[in-house]
Amino acid sequence: MTSTPLRKPQDTHCACALLLIDWFSCWPMRERDQLLPRARDASRVAARLVQRARQRDVPVIFANDNFGHWRSDFRAVVDAAVEEGGLAAEIATRMAPDPGDYFVLKPKHSAYFGTPLDLLLSHLRTRTILIAGITTDQCVLATAIDGHIRDRRIVVVRDACAAATASRHKGALERIEAFGISAMNSRSVRWDRLAD
């Protein structure tokens, strides 16, 4: 069996990055029926952010649960979401990664816990992180706080995140802002200002 040698892609050093949390899932949680339509709506906003980031050579980083499957890889997680069909497949297809994107698999809520995310951000010389993901009151909240205590500038994109209910989404954003972390709507995102 012959193997193709790995080519080292050119990394783009950028003061800001877009971090996408848990867009690929079979949605096994008990609140699936409540969450999926909200996740679908948020994914439409997140996909526009991804497109804008790629056009500006802003690094796009996916952080996704491994769902306890320690032998899986990122591609397997994406494929499982597509094979689930329905809204899970719609979201996964819309958010599909490009070859130039980055990814980490996370074992717990925070994208920092047990992953090389902080090392990757340092390698990319990233100071500001925009977060778009699922769910606002769990993985987005945990990641935002972890980034904040690591002295990164964190910006949570309100309409590119979702929780099972509107009240949980709103409550999580209030807790995020209580930590001194920024939250803004996607229309207010100005990549040039975030790079300052």
N, C-alpha and C. Protein backbone atom coordinates (compact mmCIF):
# COMPACT_ATOMS: atom_id res chain seq x y z
N MET A 1 0.85 -1.18 0.00
CA MET A 1 0.00 0.00 0.00
C MET A 1 0.89 1.24 0.00
N THR A 2 0.69 2.09 -0.97
CA THR A 2 1.46 3.33 -1.02
C THR A 2 0.65 4.45 -0.41
N SER A 3 1.34 5.39 0.17
CA SER A 3 0.64 6.52 0.78
C SER A 3 1.06 7.81 0.10
N THR A 4 0.14 8.73 0.07
CA THR A 4 0.42 10.03 -0.50
C THR A 4 1.10 10.88 0.55
N PRO A 5 2.24 11.48 0.22
CA PRO A 5 2.90 12.30 1.23
C PRO A 5 2.06 13.52 1.59
N LEU A 6 2.11 13.88 2.85
CA LEU A 6 1.36 15.04 3.29
C LEU A 6 2.03 16.31 2.78
N ARG A 7 1.22 17.19 2.23
CA ARG A 7 1.72 18.50 1.82
C ARG A 7 1.37 19.49 2.92
N LYS A 8 2.33 20.30 3.29
CA LYS A 8 2.06 21.28 4.33
C LYS A 8 1.36 22.49 3.70
N PRO A 9 0.09 22.74 4.07
CA PRO A 9 -0.60 23.89 3.52
C PRO A 9 -0.04 25.18 4.11
N GLN A 10 -0.23 26.25 3.37
CA GLN A 10 0.22 27.54 3.85
C GLN A 10 -0.78 28.08 4.87
N ASP A 11 -0.33 28.28 6.10
CA ASP A 11 -1.21 28.82 7.13
C ASP A 11 -1.27 30.33 7.00
N THR A 12 -2.44 30.88 7.23
CA THR A 12 -2.63 32.32 7.19
C THR A 12 -2.59 32.86 8.61
N HIS A 13 -1.63 33.71 8.88
CA HIS A 13 -1.59 34.34 10.19
C HIS A 13 -2.56 35.50 10.18
N CYS A 14 -3.41 35.53 11.17
CA CYS A 14 -4.47 36.54 11.18
C CYS A 14 -4.81 36.88 12.63
N ALA A 15 -5.06 38.15 12.89
CA ALA A 15 -5.36 38.58 14.25
C ALA A 15 -6.72 38.08 14.73
N CYS A 16 -7.61 37.70 13.80
CA CYS A 16 -8.91 37.17 14.21
C CYS A 16 -9.18 35.85 13.49
N ALA A 17 -10.07 35.06 14.09
CA ALA A 17 -10.45 33.77 13.52
C ALA A 17 -11.93 33.53 13.82
N LEU A 18 -12.54 32.70 13.00
CA LEU A 18 -13.93 32.31 13.21
C LEU A 18 -13.96 30.89 13.75
N LEU A 19 -14.51 30.71 14.95
CA LEU A 19 -14.59 29.40 15.60
C LEU A 19 -16.03 28.90 15.54
N LEU A 20 -16.22 27.75 14.93
CA LEU A 20 -17.54 27.16 14.71
C LEU A 20 -17.70 25.92 15.58
N ILE A 21 -18.70 25.93 16.44
CA ILE A 21 -18.82 24.90 17.47
C ILE A 21 -20.02 24.00 17.23
N ASP A 22 -19.75 22.70 17.09
CA ASP A 22 -20.77 21.63 17.11
C ASP A 22 -21.86 21.75 16.06
N TRP A 23 -21.46 22.04 14.83
CA TRP A 23 -22.45 22.08 13.75
C TRP A 23 -22.73 20.70 13.15
N PHE A 24 -21.91 19.71 13.48
CA PHE A 24 -22.08 18.38 12.89
C PHE A 24 -22.50 17.41 13.98
N SER A 25 -23.74 16.93 13.87
CA SER A 25 -24.29 16.08 14.93
C SER A 25 -25.45 15.26 14.38
N CYS A 26 -25.70 14.14 15.04
CA CYS A 26 -26.93 13.37 14.79
C CYS A 26 -28.03 13.82 15.75
N TRP A 27 -27.70 14.79 16.61
CA TRP A 27 -28.66 15.43 17.50
C TRP A 27 -29.41 14.41 18.36
N PRO A 28 -28.67 13.65 19.18
CA PRO A 28 -29.31 12.61 19.99
C PRO A 28 -29.98 13.14 21.26
N MET A 29 -29.83 14.43 21.55
CA MET A 29 -30.34 14.96 22.81
C MET A 29 -31.86 14.96 22.87
N ARG A 30 -32.39 14.97 24.08
CA ARG A 30 -33.85 14.88 24.27
C ARG A 30 -34.58 16.11 23.76
N GLU A 31 -33.87 17.24 23.61
CA GLU A 31 -34.50 18.48 23.13
C GLU A 31 -34.31 18.67 21.62
N ARG A 32 -34.01 17.59 20.94
CA ARG A 32 -33.72 17.64 19.51
C ARG A 32 -34.78 18.41 18.71
N ASP A 33 -36.04 18.12 18.95
CA ASP A 33 -37.11 18.74 18.16
C ASP A 33 -37.20 20.24 18.39
N GLN A 34 -36.86 20.70 19.59
CA GLN A 34 -36.83 22.13 19.87
C GLN A 34 -35.59 22.79 19.27
N LEU A 35 -34.47 22.10 19.39
CA LEU A 35 -33.19 22.71 19.03
C LEU A 35 -32.94 22.75 17.53
N LEU A 36 -33.29 21.70 16.82
CA LEU A 36 -32.91 21.61 15.40
C LEU A 36 -33.42 22.78 14.54
N PRO A 37 -34.68 23.20 14.66
CA PRO A 37 -35.10 24.34 13.84
C PRO A 37 -34.33 25.62 14.17
N ARG A 38 -34.01 25.81 15.44
CA ARG A 38 -33.24 26.99 15.84
C ARG A 38 -31.80 26.88 15.32
N ALA A 39 -31.25 25.67 15.36
CA ALA A 39 -29.90 25.45 14.83
C ALA A 39 -29.88 25.67 13.33
N ARG A 40 -30.92 25.24 12.64
CA ARG A 40 -31.00 25.47 11.19
C ARG A 40 -30.96 26.96 10.88
N ASP A 41 -31.74 27.75 11.61
CA ASP A 41 -31.78 29.20 11.37
C ASP A 41 -30.42 29.83 11.67
N ALA A 42 -29.81 29.42 12.76
CA ALA A 42 -28.49 29.96 13.11
C ALA A 42 -27.43 29.53 12.10
N SER A 43 -27.58 28.33 11.53
CA SER A 43 -26.59 27.86 10.56
C SER A 43 -26.60 28.71 9.29
N ARG A 44 -27.74 29.24 8.94
CA ARG A 44 -27.80 30.12 7.76
C ARG A 44 -26.97 31.37 7.98
N VAL A 45 -27.04 31.92 9.19
CA VAL A 45 -26.24 33.09 9.52
C VAL A 45 -24.76 32.71 9.60
N ALA A 46 -24.48 31.59 10.27
CA ALA A 46 -23.09 31.15 10.41
C ALA A 46 -22.44 30.88 9.06
N ALA A 47 -23.20 30.30 8.14
CA ALA A 47 -22.65 30.00 6.81
C ALA A 47 -22.26 31.28 6.07
N ARG A 48 -23.04 32.34 6.26
CA ARG A 48 -22.66 33.63 5.65
C ARG A 48 -21.39 34.18 6.28
N LEU A 49 -21.24 34.00 7.59
CA LEU A 49 -20.00 34.41 8.26
C LEU A 49 -18.80 33.64 7.72
N VAL A 50 -18.99 32.34 7.52
CA VAL A 50 -17.92 31.50 6.98
C VAL A 50 -17.51 32.00 5.60
N GLN A 51 -18.48 32.28 4.78
CA GLN A 51 -18.18 32.76 3.42
C GLN A 51 -17.38 34.07 3.47
N ARG A 52 -17.82 34.99 4.33
CA ARG A 52 -17.11 36.26 4.47
C ARG A 52 -15.71 36.06 5.02
N ALA A 53 -15.56 35.15 5.97
CA ALA A 53 -14.23 34.89 6.55
C ALA A 53 -13.29 34.34 5.49
N ARG A 54 -13.75 33.36 4.73
CA ARG A 54 -12.89 32.76 3.70
C ARG A 54 -12.49 33.79 2.64
N GLN A 55 -13.40 34.68 2.29
CA GLN A 55 -13.08 35.71 1.29
C GLN A 55 -11.98 36.64 1.78
N ARG A 56 -11.87 36.80 3.10
CA ARG A 56 -10.89 37.71 3.68
C ARG A 56 -9.67 36.98 4.25
N ASP A 57 -9.55 35.68 3.95
CA ASP A 57 -8.45 34.86 4.46
C ASP A 57 -8.40 34.84 6.00
N VAL A 58 -9.57 34.94 6.61
CA VAL A 58 -9.68 34.78 8.06
C VAL A 58 -9.77 33.28 8.35
N PRO A 59 -8.94 32.75 9.22
CA PRO A 59 -9.00 31.31 9.51
C PRO A 59 -10.38 30.87 10.02
N VAL A 60 -10.85 29.75 9.48
CA VAL A 60 -12.10 29.14 9.90
C VAL A 60 -11.75 27.85 10.64
N ILE A 61 -12.17 27.76 11.89
CA ILE A 61 -11.83 26.62 12.74
C ILE A 61 -13.11 25.95 13.22
N PHE A 62 -13.23 24.67 12.95
CA PHE A 62 -14.36 23.88 13.44
C PHE A 62 -13.93 23.14 14.71
N ALA A 63 -14.76 23.23 15.74
CA ALA A 63 -14.55 22.44 16.95
C ALA A 63 -15.83 21.64 17.17
N ASN A 64 -15.71 20.34 17.20
CA ASN A 64 -16.91 19.50 17.26
C ASN A 64 -16.74 18.38 18.26
N ASP A 65 -17.87 18.03 18.91
CA ASP A 65 -17.86 16.88 19.83
C ASP A 65 -17.45 15.62 19.07
N ASN A 66 -16.76 14.73 19.79
CA ASN A 66 -16.48 13.42 19.20
C ASN A 66 -17.53 12.39 19.65
N PHE A 67 -18.47 12.83 20.51
CA PHE A 67 -19.58 11.97 20.97
C PHE A 67 -19.09 10.66 21.59
N GLY A 68 -17.91 10.72 22.22
CA GLY A 68 -17.37 9.55 22.89
C GLY A 68 -16.82 8.49 21.97
N HIS A 69 -16.74 8.80 20.66
CA HIS A 69 -16.19 7.83 19.70
C HIS A 69 -14.71 8.14 19.49
N TRP A 70 -13.88 7.56 20.32
CA TRP A 70 -12.47 7.91 20.36
C TRP A 70 -11.71 7.44 19.13
N ARG A 71 -12.31 6.58 18.30
CA ARG A 71 -11.64 6.15 17.08
C ARG A 71 -12.11 6.94 15.85
N SER A 72 -13.00 7.90 16.06
CA SER A 72 -13.51 8.67 14.93
C SER A 72 -12.55 9.79 14.57
N ASP A 73 -12.75 10.35 13.40
CA ASP A 73 -12.02 11.54 13.02
C ASP A 73 -13.04 12.59 12.57
N PHE A 74 -12.56 13.77 12.24
CA PHE A 74 -13.48 14.85 11.93
C PHE A 74 -14.35 14.52 10.72
N ARG A 75 -13.77 13.95 9.69
CA ARG A 75 -14.54 13.60 8.49
C ARG A 75 -15.65 12.60 8.83
N ALA A 76 -15.37 11.66 9.72
CA ALA A 76 -16.39 10.67 10.11
C ALA A 76 -17.55 11.35 10.83
N VAL A 77 -17.26 12.36 11.64
CA VAL A 77 -18.31 13.09 12.34
C VAL A 77 -19.19 13.84 11.34
N VAL A 78 -18.56 14.49 10.36
CA VAL A 78 -19.32 15.20 9.33
C VAL A 78 -20.19 14.22 8.54
N ASP A 79 -19.60 13.10 8.12
CA ASP A 79 -20.33 12.10 7.34
C ASP A 79 -21.53 11.54 8.10
N ALA A 80 -21.37 11.30 9.41
CA ALA A 80 -22.46 10.77 10.22
C ALA A 80 -23.63 11.76 10.27
N ALA A 81 -23.32 13.05 10.35
CA ALA A 81 -24.37 14.07 10.37
C ALA A 81 -25.12 14.10 9.04
N VAL A 82 -24.39 13.99 7.93
CA VAL A 82 -25.03 13.99 6.61
C VAL A 82 -25.91 12.75 6.45
N GLU A 83 -25.40 11.60 6.89
CA GLU A 83 -26.15 10.36 6.76
C GLU A 83 -27.40 10.33 7.65
N GLU A 84 -27.44 11.17 8.69
CA GLU A 84 -28.61 11.23 9.57
C GLU A 84 -29.84 11.71 8.80
N GLY A 85 -29.62 12.50 7.77
CA GLY A 85 -30.74 13.01 6.98
C GLY A 85 -31.45 14.16 7.67
N GLY A 86 -32.51 14.63 7.06
CA GLY A 86 -33.33 15.68 7.64
C GLY A 86 -32.56 16.96 7.91
N LEU A 87 -32.93 17.65 8.98
CA LEU A 87 -32.29 18.92 9.32
C LEU A 87 -30.82 18.73 9.69
N ALA A 88 -30.47 17.59 10.28
CA ALA A 88 -29.06 17.33 10.61
C ALA A 88 -28.21 17.37 9.35
N ALA A 89 -28.69 16.74 8.29
CA ALA A 89 -27.96 16.73 7.02
C ALA A 89 -27.95 18.11 6.38
N GLU A 90 -29.08 18.81 6.47
CA GLU A 90 -29.15 20.16 5.89
C GLU A 90 -28.11 21.08 6.54
N ILE A 91 -28.04 21.04 7.87
CA ILE A 91 -27.08 21.88 8.59
C ILE A 91 -25.65 21.47 8.25
N ALA A 92 -25.38 20.18 8.26
CA ALA A 92 -24.03 19.69 7.99
C ALA A 92 -23.59 20.04 6.57
N THR A 93 -24.48 19.93 5.63
CA THR A 93 -24.15 20.26 4.24
C THR A 93 -23.88 21.75 4.09
N ARG A 94 -24.71 22.55 4.72
CA ARG A 94 -24.53 24.00 4.66
C ARG A 94 -23.19 24.42 5.28
N MET A 95 -22.81 23.76 6.37
CA MET A 95 -21.61 24.16 7.12
C MET A 95 -20.37 23.37 6.71
N ALA A 96 -20.44 22.63 5.62
CA ALA A 96 -19.34 21.73 5.23
C ALA A 96 -17.99 22.46 5.17
N PRO A 97 -16.97 21.86 5.76
CA PRO A 97 -15.64 22.49 5.77
C PRO A 97 -14.97 22.47 4.40
N ASP A 98 -14.12 23.44 4.17
CA ASP A 98 -13.26 23.49 2.99
C ASP A 98 -11.91 22.89 3.35
N PRO A 99 -11.12 22.48 2.33
CA PRO A 99 -9.79 21.91 2.62
C PRO A 99 -8.87 22.85 3.40
N GLY A 100 -9.06 24.16 3.26
CA GLY A 100 -8.19 25.10 3.96
C GLY A 100 -8.61 25.42 5.37
N ASP A 101 -9.73 24.84 5.84
CA ASP A 101 -10.20 25.10 7.20
C ASP A 101 -9.44 24.24 8.20
N TYR A 102 -9.57 24.59 9.46
CA TYR A 102 -8.95 23.84 10.56
C TYR A 102 -10.05 23.15 11.35
N PHE A 103 -9.66 22.13 12.12
CA PHE A 103 -10.66 21.45 12.95
C PHE A 103 -10.00 20.83 14.17
N VAL A 104 -10.76 20.75 15.24
CA VAL A 104 -10.38 20.01 16.43
C VAL A 104 -11.59 19.21 16.89
N LEU A 105 -11.36 18.02 17.39
CA LEU A 105 -12.43 17.24 18.02
C LEU A 105 -12.31 17.45 19.53
N LYS A 106 -13.44 17.71 20.16
CA LYS A 106 -13.43 18.01 21.59
C LYS A 106 -14.19 16.92 22.37
N PRO A 107 -13.67 16.53 23.52
CA PRO A 107 -14.35 15.50 24.30
C PRO A 107 -15.42 16.03 25.24
N LYS A 108 -15.38 17.33 25.54
CA LYS A 108 -16.33 17.92 26.48
C LYS A 108 -16.88 19.23 25.92
N HIS A 109 -17.53 19.99 26.75
CA HIS A 109 -18.23 21.19 26.31
C HIS A 109 -17.30 22.23 25.69
N SER A 110 -16.24 22.58 26.37
CA SER A 110 -15.38 23.65 25.88
C SER A 110 -14.49 23.17 24.74
N ALA A 111 -14.35 24.02 23.73
CA ALA A 111 -13.45 23.70 22.61
C ALA A 111 -11.99 23.74 23.03
N TYR A 112 -11.71 24.27 24.21
CA TYR A 112 -10.34 24.30 24.73
C TYR A 112 -9.97 23.04 25.50
N PHE A 113 -10.97 22.41 26.13
CA PHE A 113 -10.67 21.30 27.04
C PHE A 113 -10.20 20.07 26.27
N GLY A 114 -8.96 19.64 26.54
CA GLY A 114 -8.43 18.42 25.93
C GLY A 114 -8.18 18.52 24.44
N THR A 115 -8.03 19.74 23.91
CA THR A 115 -7.79 19.92 22.48
C THR A 115 -6.57 20.83 22.26
N PRO A 116 -6.04 20.86 21.04
CA PRO A 116 -4.91 21.75 20.74
C PRO A 116 -5.35 23.15 20.29
N LEU A 117 -6.59 23.55 20.59
CA LEU A 117 -7.11 24.82 20.08
C LEU A 117 -6.22 26.00 20.45
N ASP A 118 -5.82 26.09 21.71
CA ASP A 118 -5.02 27.25 22.13
C ASP A 118 -3.68 27.28 21.41
N LEU A 119 -3.07 26.13 21.20
CA LEU A 119 -1.82 26.07 20.44
C LEU A 119 -2.03 26.51 19.00
N LEU A 120 -3.14 26.08 18.41
CA LEU A 120 -3.45 26.47 17.03
C LEU A 120 -3.63 27.98 16.93
N LEU A 121 -4.38 28.56 17.85
CA LEU A 121 -4.60 30.00 17.83
C LEU A 121 -3.29 30.76 18.00
N SER A 122 -2.41 30.26 18.85
CA SER A 122 -1.10 30.89 19.01
C SER A 122 -0.29 30.79 17.72
N HIS A 123 -0.34 29.62 17.08
CA HIS A 123 0.36 29.43 15.81
C HIS A 123 -0.14 30.40 14.75
N LEU A 124 -1.44 30.64 14.73
CA LEU A 124 -2.04 31.55 13.75
C LEU A 124 -1.91 33.01 14.16
N ARG A 125 -1.39 33.25 15.36
CA ARG A 125 -1.23 34.61 15.91
C ARG A 125 -2.57 35.32 16.05
N THR A 126 -3.54 34.56 16.50
CA THR A 126 -4.90 35.06 16.63
C THR A 126 -5.13 35.62 18.02
N ARG A 127 -5.67 36.83 18.06
CA ARG A 127 -6.01 37.48 19.33
C ARG A 127 -7.53 37.52 19.56
N THR A 128 -8.29 37.67 18.46
CA THR A 128 -9.75 37.82 18.55
C THR A 128 -10.43 36.61 17.93
N ILE A 129 -11.40 36.06 18.63
CA ILE A 129 -12.12 34.89 18.15
C ILE A 129 -13.60 35.19 18.09
N LEU A 130 -14.19 35.05 16.91
CA LEU A 130 -15.64 35.10 16.76
C LEU A 130 -16.16 33.68 16.95
N ILE A 131 -17.20 33.54 17.76
CA ILE A 131 -17.77 32.22 18.02
C ILE A 131 -19.19 32.15 17.47
N ALA A 132 -19.45 31.09 16.71
CA ALA A 132 -20.79 30.79 16.21
C ALA A 132 -21.03 29.30 16.45
N GLY A 133 -22.10 28.96 17.16
CA GLY A 133 -22.26 27.53 17.42
C GLY A 133 -23.48 27.14 18.21
N ILE A 134 -23.47 25.87 18.56
CA ILE A 134 -24.54 25.18 19.26
C ILE A 134 -23.93 24.52 20.50
N THR A 135 -24.51 24.55 21.61
CA THR A 135 -25.62 25.36 22.03
C THR A 135 -25.11 26.55 22.83
N THR A 136 -25.85 27.65 22.76
CA THR A 136 -25.41 28.88 23.40
C THR A 136 -25.19 28.69 24.89
N ASP A 137 -26.07 27.93 25.53
CA ASP A 137 -26.02 27.80 26.99
C ASP A 137 -25.12 26.67 27.48
N GLN A 138 -24.46 25.99 26.57
CA GLN A 138 -23.54 24.94 26.99
C GLN A 138 -22.17 25.12 26.35
N CYS A 139 -21.98 24.60 25.16
CA CYS A 139 -20.64 24.59 24.56
C CYS A 139 -20.15 25.97 24.16
N VAL A 140 -21.04 26.82 23.67
CA VAL A 140 -20.64 28.19 23.33
C VAL A 140 -20.24 28.94 24.60
N LEU A 141 -21.07 28.84 25.62
CA LEU A 141 -20.79 29.51 26.90
C LEU A 141 -19.46 29.03 27.49
N ALA A 142 -19.25 27.72 27.56
CA ALA A 142 -18.02 27.17 28.14
C ALA A 142 -16.79 27.61 27.35
N THR A 143 -16.88 27.58 26.03
CA THR A 143 -15.75 27.97 25.19
C THR A 143 -15.46 29.46 25.32
N ALA A 144 -16.50 30.28 25.33
CA ALA A 144 -16.30 31.72 25.45
C ALA A 144 -15.59 32.07 26.75
N ILE A 145 -16.01 31.47 27.84
CA ILE A 145 -15.38 31.75 29.14
C ILE A 145 -13.94 31.25 29.15
N ASP A 146 -13.70 30.05 28.63
CA ASP A 146 -12.34 29.52 28.58
C ASP A 146 -11.42 30.40 27.73
N GLY A 147 -11.92 30.90 26.62
CA GLY A 147 -11.11 31.80 25.80
C GLY A 147 -10.83 33.10 26.51
N HIS A 148 -11.84 33.62 27.19
CA HIS A 148 -11.70 34.88 27.92
C HIS A 148 -10.64 34.77 29.01
N ILE A 149 -10.64 33.68 29.76
CA ILE A 149 -9.65 33.56 30.84
C ILE A 149 -8.25 33.28 30.31
N ARG A 150 -8.14 32.97 29.02
CA ARG A 150 -6.84 32.84 28.37
C ARG A 150 -6.42 34.14 27.68
N ASP A 151 -7.11 35.20 28.01
CA ASP A 151 -6.79 36.54 27.50
C ASP A 151 -6.95 36.68 26.00
N ARG A 152 -7.84 35.90 25.40
CA ARG A 152 -8.23 36.13 24.02
C ARG A 152 -9.42 37.09 24.03
N ARG A 153 -9.53 37.89 22.99
CA ARG A 153 -10.73 38.72 22.84
C ARG A 153 -11.79 37.84 22.19
N ILE A 154 -12.89 37.65 22.88
CA ILE A 154 -13.95 36.76 22.42
C ILE A 154 -15.16 37.59 22.01
N VAL A 155 -15.73 37.26 20.86
CA VAL A 155 -16.96 37.88 20.39
C VAL A 155 -17.92 36.76 20.01
N VAL A 156 -19.03 36.66 20.71
CA VAL A 156 -20.05 35.66 20.41
C VAL A 156 -21.05 36.30 19.45
N VAL A 157 -21.31 35.63 18.33
CA VAL A 157 -22.24 36.16 17.33
C VAL A 157 -23.64 35.67 17.69
N ARG A 158 -24.44 36.57 18.19
CA ARG A 158 -25.76 36.24 18.76
C ARG A 158 -26.64 35.41 17.83
N ASP A 159 -26.81 35.89 16.60
CA ASP A 159 -27.75 35.24 15.68
C ASP A 159 -27.13 34.05 14.94
N ALA A 160 -25.87 33.73 15.25
CA ALA A 160 -25.22 32.55 14.67
C ALA A 160 -25.01 31.49 15.74
N CYS A 161 -25.79 31.59 16.82
CA CYS A 161 -25.78 30.59 17.89
C CYS A 161 -27.23 30.23 18.19
N ALA A 162 -27.43 29.09 18.83
CA ALA A 162 -28.79 28.68 19.18
C ALA A 162 -28.78 27.79 20.41
N ALA A 163 -29.89 27.85 21.12
CA ALA A 163 -30.15 26.94 22.25
C ALA A 163 -31.54 26.35 22.03
N ALA A 164 -31.93 25.43 22.91
CA ALA A 164 -33.21 24.74 22.73
C ALA A 164 -34.40 25.68 22.87
N THR A 165 -34.25 26.73 23.67
CA THR A 165 -35.34 27.70 23.83
C THR A 165 -34.77 29.11 23.72
N ALA A 166 -35.64 30.05 23.39
CA ALA A 166 -35.22 31.44 23.28
C ALA A 166 -34.74 31.97 24.63
N SER A 167 -35.39 31.55 25.72
CA SER A 167 -35.00 32.05 27.04
C SER A 167 -33.62 31.52 27.44
N ARG A 168 -33.30 30.29 27.10
CA ARG A 168 -31.97 29.76 27.42
C ARG A 168 -30.90 30.45 26.58
N HIS A 169 -31.20 30.73 25.33
CA HIS A 169 -30.27 31.46 24.47
C HIS A 169 -30.01 32.86 25.05
N LYS A 170 -31.08 33.56 25.40
CA LYS A 170 -30.96 34.91 25.95
C LYS A 170 -30.21 34.89 27.28
N GLY A 171 -30.54 33.93 28.14
CA GLY A 171 -29.88 33.83 29.45
C GLY A 171 -28.39 33.56 29.32
N ALA A 172 -28.02 32.71 28.37
CA ALA A 172 -26.60 32.41 28.16
C ALA A 172 -25.86 33.64 27.67
N LEU A 173 -26.46 34.39 26.75
CA LEU A 173 -25.82 35.61 26.26
C LEU A 173 -25.65 36.63 27.38
N GLU A 174 -26.62 36.70 28.27
CA GLU A 174 -26.49 37.60 29.42
C GLU A 174 -25.34 37.17 30.33
N ARG A 175 -25.18 35.87 30.55
CA ARG A 175 -24.06 35.38 31.37
C ARG A 175 -22.73 35.66 30.68
N ILE A 176 -22.69 35.46 29.37
CA ILE A 176 -21.48 35.73 28.59
C ILE A 176 -21.08 37.20 28.74
N GLU A 177 -22.04 38.08 28.58
CA GLU A 177 -21.74 39.51 28.69
C GLU A 177 -21.39 39.90 30.12
N ALA A 178 -21.95 39.19 31.11
CA ALA A 178 -21.61 39.48 32.51
C ALA A 178 -20.14 39.19 32.80
N PHE A 179 -19.53 38.29 32.01
CA PHE A 179 -18.11 38.01 32.14
C PHE A 179 -17.25 39.08 31.47
N GLY A 180 -17.86 40.03 30.80
CA GLY A 180 -17.10 41.03 30.06
C GLY A 180 -16.77 40.60 28.65
N ILE A 181 -17.49 39.58 28.16
CA ILE A 181 -17.28 39.06 26.81
C ILE A 181 -18.27 39.73 25.88
N SER A 182 -17.81 40.12 24.70
CA SER A 182 -18.67 40.81 23.74
C SER A 182 -19.64 39.84 23.07
N ALA A 183 -20.82 40.34 22.76
CA ALA A 183 -21.79 39.62 21.94
C ALA A 183 -22.38 40.62 20.96
N MET A 184 -22.48 40.23 19.69
CA MET A 184 -23.03 41.13 18.68
C MET A 184 -23.76 40.33 17.62
N ASN A 185 -24.62 41.00 16.89
CA ASN A 185 -25.30 40.38 15.76
C ASN A 185 -24.37 40.33 14.56
N SER A 186 -24.62 39.41 13.66
CA SER A 186 -23.73 39.21 12.52
C SER A 186 -23.60 40.46 11.66
N ARG A 187 -24.65 41.25 11.57
CA ARG A 187 -24.59 42.46 10.74
C ARG A 187 -23.59 43.48 11.28
N SER A 188 -23.26 43.37 12.55
CA SER A 188 -22.31 44.31 13.17
C SER A 188 -20.86 43.85 13.06
N VAL A 189 -20.63 42.65 12.53
CA VAL A 189 -19.27 42.13 12.44
C VAL A 189 -18.50 42.91 11.37
N ARG A 190 -17.39 43.49 11.78
CA ARG A 190 -16.50 44.22 10.88
C ARG A 190 -15.10 43.60 11.04
N TRP A 191 -14.71 42.80 10.06
CA TRP A 191 -13.47 42.03 10.19
C TRP A 191 -12.26 42.94 10.39
N ASP A 192 -12.23 44.09 9.73
CA ASP A 192 -11.08 44.97 9.87
C ASP A 192 -10.95 45.50 11.29
N ARG A 193 -12.07 45.81 11.93
CA ARG A 193 -12.03 46.30 13.31
C ARG A 193 -11.63 45.20 14.28
N LEU A 194 -12.06 43.97 13.99
CA LEU A 194 -11.72 42.85 14.87
C LEU A 194 -10.23 42.54 14.82
N ALA A 195 -9.58 42.89 13.73
CA ALA A 195 -8.15 42.61 13.58
C ALA A 195 -7.29 43.64 14.27
N ASP A 196 -7.89 44.75 14.74
CA ASP A 196 -7.11 45.81 15.42
C ASP A 196 -6.62 45.33 16.78
